[in-house]
C-alpha atoms as a PDB file:
ATOM      1  CA  MET A   1     -11.453  43.816 -25.641  1.00  0.00           C
ATOM      2  CA  LYS A   2     -13.455  46.375 -27.281  1.00  0.00           C
ATOM      3  CA  ILE A   3     -12.257  48.501 -30.071  1.00  0.00           C
ATOM      4  CA  LYS A   4     -13.367  51.902 -30.781  1.00  0.00           C
ATOM      5  CA  LEU A   5     -12.545  54.201 -33.757  1.00  0.00           C
ATOM      6  CA  LEU A   6     -13.482  57.804 -33.333  1.00  0.00           C
ATOM      7  CA  VAL A   7     -13.798  60.000 -36.551  1.00  0.00           C
ATOM      8  CA  ILE A   8     -14.518  63.705 -37.072  1.00  0.00           C
ATOM      9  CA  GLY A   9     -17.097  64.252 -39.581  1.00  0.00           C
ATOM     10  CA  LYS A  10     -19.165  61.611 -41.816  1.00  0.00           C
ATOM     11  CA  THR A  11     -17.839  60.110 -44.993  1.00  0.00           C
ATOM     12  CA  ASP A  12     -19.290  61.665 -48.000  1.00  0.00           C
ATOM     13  CA  ASP A  13     -18.393  59.193 -50.744  1.00  0.00           C
ATOM     14  CA  LYS A  14     -20.749  56.391 -50.722  1.00  0.00           C
ATOM     15  CA  ASN A  15     -18.586  53.838 -52.414  1.00  0.00           C
ATOM     16  CA  LEU A  16     -15.758  54.528 -49.559  1.00  0.00           C
ATOM     17  CA  GLN A  17     -18.407  54.290 -47.055  1.00  0.00           C
ATOM     18  CA  GLN A  18     -19.687  51.019 -48.531  1.00  0.00           C
ATOM     19  CA  LEU A  19     -15.953  49.678 -48.066  1.00  0.00           C
ATOM     20  CA  ILE A  20     -15.790  50.831 -44.562  1.00  0.00           C
ATOM     21  CA  ASP A  21     -19.021  49.159 -43.852  1.00  0.00           C
ATOM     22  CA  ASP A  22     -17.749  45.823 -45.233  1.00  0.00           C
ATOM     23  CA  TYR A  23     -14.725  45.771 -43.048  1.00  0.00           C
ATOM     24  CA  GLN A  24     -16.803  46.834 -40.155  1.00  0.00           C
ATOM     25  CA  LYS A  25     -18.859  43.826 -40.608  1.00  0.00           C
ATOM     26  CA  ARG A  26     -15.749  41.519 -40.986  1.00  0.00           C
ATOM     27  CA  LEU A  27     -14.380  42.888 -37.828  1.00  0.00           C
ATOM     28  CA  GLY A  28     -17.422  41.917 -35.907  1.00  0.00           C
ATOM     29  CA  PHE A  29     -16.391  38.296 -36.199  1.00  0.00           C
ATOM     30  CA  TYR A  30     -13.235  38.895 -34.097  1.00  0.00           C
ATOM     31  CA  SER A  31     -14.037  41.808 -31.855  1.00  0.00           C
ATOM     32  CA  LYS A  32     -16.481  44.330 -30.579  1.00  0.00           C
ATOM     33  CA  PHE A  33     -15.714  46.945 -32.911  1.00  0.00           C
ATOM     34  CA  LYS A  34     -17.689  50.168 -33.200  1.00  0.00           C
ATOM     35  CA  MET A  35     -16.829  53.456 -35.099  1.00  0.00           C
ATOM     36  CA  ILE A  36     -18.251  56.738 -33.739  1.00  0.00           C
ATOM     37  CA  VAL A  37     -18.660  59.826 -36.150  1.00  0.00           C
ATOM     38  CA  ILE A  38     -18.149  63.045 -34.194  1.00  0.00           C
ATOM     39  CA  PRO A  39     -19.984  65.710 -36.135  1.00  0.00           C
ATOM     40  CA  ASP A  40     -18.343  68.338 -38.136  1.00  0.00           C
ATOM     41  CA  ILE A  41     -17.635  71.418 -36.037  1.00  0.00           C
ATOM     42  CA  LYS A  42     -20.447  74.129 -37.127  1.00  0.00           C
ATOM     43  CA  ASN A  43     -19.196  77.346 -38.512  1.00  0.00           C
ATOM     44  CA  ALA A  44     -15.545  76.039 -38.503  1.00  0.00           C
ATOM     45  CA  LYS A  45     -14.718  78.496 -41.190  1.00  0.00           C
ATOM     46  CA  ASN A  46     -15.006  81.143 -38.671  1.00  0.00           C
ATOM     47  CA  LEU A  47     -12.517  79.460 -36.336  1.00  0.00           C
ATOM     48  CA  THR A  48      -8.686  79.665 -36.281  1.00  0.00           C
ATOM     49  CA  GLU A  49      -7.057  76.248 -36.604  1.00  0.00           C
ATOM     50  CA  ASN A  50      -6.168  76.027 -32.853  1.00  0.00           C
ATOM     51  CA  GLN A  51      -9.971  76.788 -31.907  1.00  0.00           C
ATOM     52  CA  GLN A  52     -11.018  74.037 -34.375  1.00  0.00           C
ATOM     53  CA  LYS A  53      -8.705  71.552 -32.807  1.00  0.00           C
ATOM     54  CA  GLU A  54      -9.643  72.804 -29.310  1.00  0.00           C
ATOM     55  CA  LYS A  55     -13.631  72.166 -30.073  1.00  0.00           C
ATOM     56  CA  GLU A  56     -12.868  69.096 -31.602  1.00  0.00           C
ATOM     57  CA  GLY A  57     -10.573  67.925 -28.814  1.00  0.00           C
ATOM     58  CA  GLU A  58     -13.465  68.528 -26.385  1.00  0.00           C
ATOM     59  CA  LEU A  59     -15.699  66.427 -28.343  1.00  0.00           C
ATOM     60  CA  ILE A  60     -13.032  63.705 -28.495  1.00  0.00           C
ATOM     61  CA  LEU A  61     -12.533  63.381 -24.755  1.00  0.00           C
ATOM     62  CA  LYS A  62     -16.094  63.415 -24.002  1.00  0.00           C
ATOM     63  CA  GLN A  63     -16.093  60.036 -26.004  1.00  0.00           C
ATOM     64  CA  LEU A  64     -13.611  58.435 -23.610  1.00  0.00           C
ATOM     65  CA  ASP A  65     -13.923  56.406 -20.346  1.00  0.00           C
ATOM     66  CA  SER A  66     -11.269  56.681 -17.745  1.00  0.00           C
ATOM     67  CA  SER A  67     -10.118  53.302 -18.256  1.00  0.00           C
ATOM     68  CA  ASP A  68      -9.736  53.769 -22.156  1.00  0.00           C
ATOM     69  CA  GLU A  69      -6.365  53.059 -23.813  1.00  0.00           C
ATOM     70  CA  LEU A  70      -6.214  56.060 -26.208  1.00  0.00           C
ATOM     71  CA  ILE A  71      -4.113  55.782 -29.600  1.00  0.00           C
ATOM     72  CA  LEU A  72      -4.057  58.590 -31.893  1.00  0.00           C
ATOM     73  CA  LEU A  73      -3.431  58.190 -35.587  1.00  0.00           C
ATOM     74  CA  ASP A  74      -0.921  60.671 -36.121  1.00  0.00           C
ATOM     75  CA  GLU A  75       1.744  61.614 -38.827  1.00  0.00           C
ATOM     76  CA  LYS A  76       4.318  62.048 -36.208  1.00  0.00           C
ATOM     77  CA  GLY A  77       3.605  58.343 -34.698  1.00  0.00           C
ATOM     78  CA  LYS A  78       5.477  55.268 -34.916  1.00  0.00           C
ATOM     79  CA  GLY A  79       4.915  53.146 -38.075  1.00  0.00           C
ATOM     80  CA  PHE A  80       4.273  49.435 -38.098  1.00  0.00           C
ATOM     81  CA  ARG A  81       4.175  46.798 -40.584  1.00  0.00           C
ATOM     82  CA  SER A  82       0.954  44.793 -40.658  1.00  0.00           C
ATOM     83  CA  VAL A  83       2.411  41.941 -38.795  1.00  0.00           C
ATOM     84  CA  GLU A  84       3.846  44.345 -35.933  1.00  0.00           C
ATOM     85  CA  PHE A  85       0.660  46.038 -35.750  1.00  0.00           C
ATOM     86  CA  ALA A  86      -1.008  42.627 -35.265  1.00  0.00           C
ATOM     87  CA  ASP A  87       1.521  42.026 -32.417  1.00  0.00           C
ATOM     88  CA  LEU A  88       0.659  45.347 -30.945  1.00  0.00           C
ATOM     89  CA  LEU A  89      -3.188  44.364 -30.908  1.00  0.00           C
ATOM     90  CA  GLN A  90      -2.355  40.990 -29.088  1.00  0.00           C
ATOM     91  CA  LYS A  91      -0.140  42.769 -26.470  1.00  0.00           C
ATOM     92  CA  LYS A  92      -3.173  44.989 -25.651  1.00  0.00           C
ATOM     93  CA  MET A  93      -5.554  42.289 -25.488  1.00  0.00           C
ATOM     94  CA  ASN A  94      -3.314  40.263 -22.986  1.00  0.00           C
ATOM     95  CA  SER A  95      -2.880  43.242 -20.907  1.00  0.00           C
ATOM     96  CA  GLY A  96      -6.564  43.041 -19.919  1.00  0.00           C
ATOM     97  CA  ILE A  97      -7.463  46.480 -21.546  1.00  0.00           C
ATOM     98  CA  LYS A  98     -11.010  46.806 -21.692  1.00  0.00           C
ATOM     99  CA  GLN A  99     -11.286  49.224 -24.488  1.00  0.00           C
ATOM    100  CA  LEU A 100      -8.698  50.462 -27.111  1.00  0.00           C
ATOM    101  CA  VAL A 101      -9.747  53.658 -28.797  1.00  0.00           C
ATOM    102  CA  PHE A 102      -7.980  54.929 -31.953  1.00  0.00           C
ATOM    103  CA  VAL A 103      -8.565  58.408 -33.165  1.00  0.00           C
ATOM    104  CA  VAL A 104      -8.687  59.929 -36.409  1.00  0.00           C
ATOM    105  CA  GLY A 105      -8.479  63.803 -35.725  1.00  0.00           C
ATOM    106  CA  GLY A 106      -9.678  66.790 -37.892  1.00  0.00           C
ATOM    107  CA  PRO A 107      -8.006  68.459 -40.625  1.00  0.00           C
ATOM    108  CA  TYR A 108      -5.408  70.115 -38.338  1.00  0.00           C
ATOM    109  CA  GLY A 109      -4.660  67.312 -35.752  1.00  0.00           C
ATOM    110  CA  PHE A 110      -5.207  67.211 -32.408  1.00  0.00           C
ATOM    111  CA  SER A 111      -5.522  69.692 -29.276  1.00  0.00           C
ATOM    112  CA  ASP A 112      -2.831  69.652 -26.650  1.00  0.00           C
ATOM    113  CA  GLU A 113      -5.304  67.942 -24.280  1.00  0.00           C
ATOM    114  CA  VAL A 114      -5.948  65.042 -26.498  1.00  0.00           C
ATOM    115  CA  TYR A 115      -2.127  64.472 -27.086  1.00  0.00           C
ATOM    116  CA  LYS A 116      -1.511  64.722 -23.304  1.00  0.00           C
ATOM    117  CA  LYS A 117      -4.385  62.162 -22.570  1.00  0.00           C
ATOM    118  CA  ALA A 118      -3.078  59.802 -25.375  1.00  0.00           C
ATOM    119  CA  ASN A 119      -1.133  56.641 -24.589  1.00  0.00           C
ATOM    120  CA  ALA A 120       0.527  56.261 -28.025  1.00  0.00           C
ATOM    121  CA  LYS A 121       0.643  57.528 -31.513  1.00  0.00           C
ATOM    122  CA  ILE A 122       0.677  55.464 -34.609  1.00  0.00           C
ATOM    123  CA  SER A 123       1.195  56.479 -38.391  1.00  0.00           C
ATOM    124  CA  LEU A 124      -0.217  54.463 -41.029  1.00  0.00           C
ATOM    125  CA  SER A 125       2.032  56.046 -43.665  1.00  0.00           C
ATOM    126  CA  LYS A 126       4.564  58.751 -44.144  1.00  0.00           C
ATOM    127  CA  MET A 127       2.092  60.092 -46.777  1.00  0.00           C
ATOM    128  CA  THR A 128      -0.760  62.358 -46.128  1.00  0.00           C
ATOM    129  CA  PHE A 129      -4.115  60.973 -46.763  1.00  0.00           C
ATOM    130  CA  SER A 130      -7.830  62.445 -46.748  1.00  0.00           C
ATOM    131  CA  HIS A 131      -9.379  62.052 -43.167  1.00  0.00           C
ATOM    132  CA  GLN A 132     -12.076  59.732 -45.121  1.00  0.00           C
ATOM    133  CA  MET A 133      -9.443  57.402 -46.491  1.00  0.00           C
ATOM    134  CA  ILE A 134      -7.716  56.790 -43.352  1.00  0.00           C
ATOM    135  CA  ARG A 135     -11.076  55.246 -41.932  1.00  0.00           C
ATOM    136  CA  LEU A 136     -11.041  52.690 -44.466  1.00  0.00           C
ATOM    137  CA  PHE A 137      -7.241  51.891 -44.021  1.00  0.00           C
ATOM    138  CA  MET A 138      -7.782  51.676 -40.530  1.00  0.00           C
ATOM    139  CA  VAL A 139     -10.597  49.398 -40.411  1.00  0.00           C
ATOM    140  CA  GLU A 140      -8.742  47.292 -43.135  1.00  0.00           C
ATOM    141  CA  GLN A 141      -5.712  47.016 -41.083  1.00  0.00           C
ATOM    142  CA  LEU A 142      -7.707  46.238 -37.810  1.00  0.00           C
ATOM    143  CA  TYR A 143      -9.294  43.177 -39.890  1.00  0.00           C
ATOM    144  CA  ARG A 144      -5.921  42.179 -41.184  1.00  0.00           C
ATOM    145  CA  ALA A 145      -4.481  42.206 -37.942  1.00  0.00           C
ATOM    146  CA  PHE A 146      -6.874  39.817 -36.652  1.00  0.00           C
ATOM    147  CA  THR A 147      -6.620  37.511 -39.494  1.00  0.00           C
ATOM    148  CA  ILE A 148      -2.992  37.427 -38.933  1.00  0.00           C
ATOM    149  CA  LEU A 149      -3.492  36.659 -35.506  1.00  0.00           C
ATOM    150  CA  LYS A 150      -5.930  33.793 -36.355  1.00  0.00           C
ATOM    151  CA  ASN A 151      -3.564  32.515 -38.901  1.00  0.00           C
ATOM    152  CA  GLU A 152      -6.201  32.975 -41.635  1.00  0.00           C
ATOM    153  CA  PRO A 153      -5.213  33.375 -45.470  1.00  0.00           C
ATOM    154  CA  TYR A 154      -5.944  37.007 -45.754  1.00  0.00           C
ATOM    155  CA  HIS A 155      -2.353  38.520 -45.495  1.00  0.00           C
ATOM    156  CA  HIS A 156       0.721  37.439 -47.306  1.00  0.00           C
ATOM    157  CA  GLU A 157       4.150  37.879 -46.674  1.00  0.00           C
END
């Protein structure tokens, strides 16, 4: 199963990007992983929140194949402990899904069309984090999940 992480806008912080790159490299040992950066919307300051969500939504939907399983990272999504998230990944792999796509939305969340297309929503925390930080947290949790599934000594309970 391939895993794709869609994100809006590039990471400005070089230190943060370095950590993201490190976990992406580690993930490569377990799964075909790809992070796709969708460029920020131009002239977003001239758009309403809804208009920005719609434009971002169109760009997100263009990145999807019809067979993709889509999971949104959303504050209203279901929360998981790391072991539970690893179990979810295992179930997805066992189900024969070709590609699992996680999406970090823009600053205002997702358009209605993206919500309609989604198979699930998960939350990494009840707290709010910057969209750039969530990228790191997500690639780290994917890496952690695979180490849990392989019984490797990264995760401690």
